Protein backbone atom coordinates (compact mmCIF):
# COMPACT_ATOMS: atom_id res chain seq x y z
CA MET A 1 160.03 104.50 114.67
CA ASP A 2 159.40 103.09 118.22
CA ILE A 3 161.96 102.52 121.47
CA ALA A 4 163.07 99.27 120.29
CA ALA A 5 163.03 100.06 116.60
CA ALA A 6 165.27 103.07 117.03
CA PHE A 7 167.28 101.08 119.66
CA ALA A 8 167.91 98.31 117.36
CA ASP A 9 169.25 101.04 115.25
CA ALA A 10 171.29 102.20 117.60
CA GLN A 11 174.18 99.82 118.26
CA GLN A 12 174.10 99.10 114.98
CA ARG A 13 174.87 102.43 113.79
CA VAL A 14 177.29 103.21 116.65
CA LYS A 15 179.14 100.66 114.46
CA GLY A 16 180.19 103.13 112.35
CA LEU A 17 182.44 104.99 114.72
CA THR A 18 185.58 106.58 113.06
CA LYS A 19 187.12 107.46 116.21
CA ARG A 20 187.24 106.12 119.46
CA PRO A 21 184.76 107.92 122.20
CA SER A 22 186.64 108.61 125.44
CA ASN A 23 185.88 106.30 128.22
CA GLU A 24 183.51 107.71 130.19
CA GLU A 25 181.25 108.09 126.77
CA LEU A 26 182.61 104.36 126.67
CA LEU A 27 180.75 103.80 130.01
CA LYS A 28 177.73 105.45 129.34
CA LEU A 29 177.06 104.12 127.00
CA TYR A 30 177.68 100.70 128.10
CA SER A 31 175.61 101.06 131.79
CA LEU A 32 172.92 102.63 129.28
CA PHE A 33 173.01 99.68 126.63
CA LYS A 34 173.05 96.66 130.14
CA GLN A 35 169.75 99.52 131.98
CA ALA A 36 167.69 98.88 128.55
CA ASN A 37 168.33 95.94 128.51
CA ASP A 38 168.64 94.51 131.62
CA GLY A 39 167.08 96.73 134.41
CA ASP A 40 168.74 97.40 137.31
CA ALA A 41 172.08 95.80 137.38
CA SER A 42 173.01 92.57 139.38
CA GLY A 43 175.23 90.63 140.04
CA LYS A 44 178.11 90.16 142.78
CA ARG A 45 180.18 93.96 142.30
CA PRO A 46 183.57 92.65 140.47
CA GLY A 47 187.07 93.30 142.88
CA MET A 48 189.36 95.46 143.02
CA PHE A 49 191.79 93.82 141.35
CA ASP A 50 189.26 94.35 138.62
CA LEU A 51 189.29 97.95 137.16
CA LYS A 52 187.57 97.47 133.92
CA GLY A 53 184.49 95.00 135.10
CA ARG A 54 184.22 97.63 138.40
CA ALA A 55 184.65 100.74 136.31
CA LYS A 56 181.43 98.76 133.96
CA TYR A 57 179.57 97.59 137.78
CA ASP A 58 179.47 100.70 138.75
CA ALA A 59 178.57 102.79 135.28
CA TRP A 60 176.20 99.98 135.44
CA ALA A 61 174.35 101.11 138.85
CA LYS A 62 174.03 104.46 138.63
CA LEU A 63 171.52 104.09 137.03
CA LYS A 64 169.10 101.56 139.45
CA GLY A 65 165.37 103.20 138.59
CA THR A 66 166.32 104.19 135.45
CA GLY A 67 163.19 102.50 133.25
CA LYS A 68 164.21 100.46 130.32
CA ASP A 69 162.80 103.21 127.73
CA ASP A 70 164.03 105.98 129.36
CA ALA A 71 167.79 104.01 128.86
CA ALA A 72 167.18 102.93 125.84
CA GLN A 73 166.69 106.26 125.28
CA ASN A 74 169.36 107.42 126.64
CA TYR A 75 171.44 104.86 124.18
CA VAL A 76 170.09 105.87 121.86
CA ASP A 77 169.86 110.25 121.97
CA LEU A 78 174.17 109.33 123.12
CA VAL A 79 174.29 107.01 119.81
CA ASP A 80 173.78 110.62 117.87
CA ASN A 81 175.12 113.05 120.25
CA MET A 82 179.04 110.42 119.63
CA LEU A 83 178.03 110.38 115.75
CA GLU A 84 177.73 113.81 115.73
CA LYS A 85 181.51 114.42 117.20
CA TYR A 86 183.28 111.32 115.79
CA SER A 87 182.12 111.00 112.71
């Protein structure tokens, strides 16, 4: 299976989690998804009163320079680990 197909499959499989992952894991999942789809973080960093938006932006910005395919593979690996842990 190529990485694009594995990435799409992982996006469907992650919906099958029966328990909620930690906030840290969710941020990692979000940031890998954004990096794989959109590349490096863009736009303005959310203001200090938007704590959730700011945390998401910062997590994504940490992946600057990571290739889309690498981010997609890391997303697939993280989903596999989370399904093992939370299903």
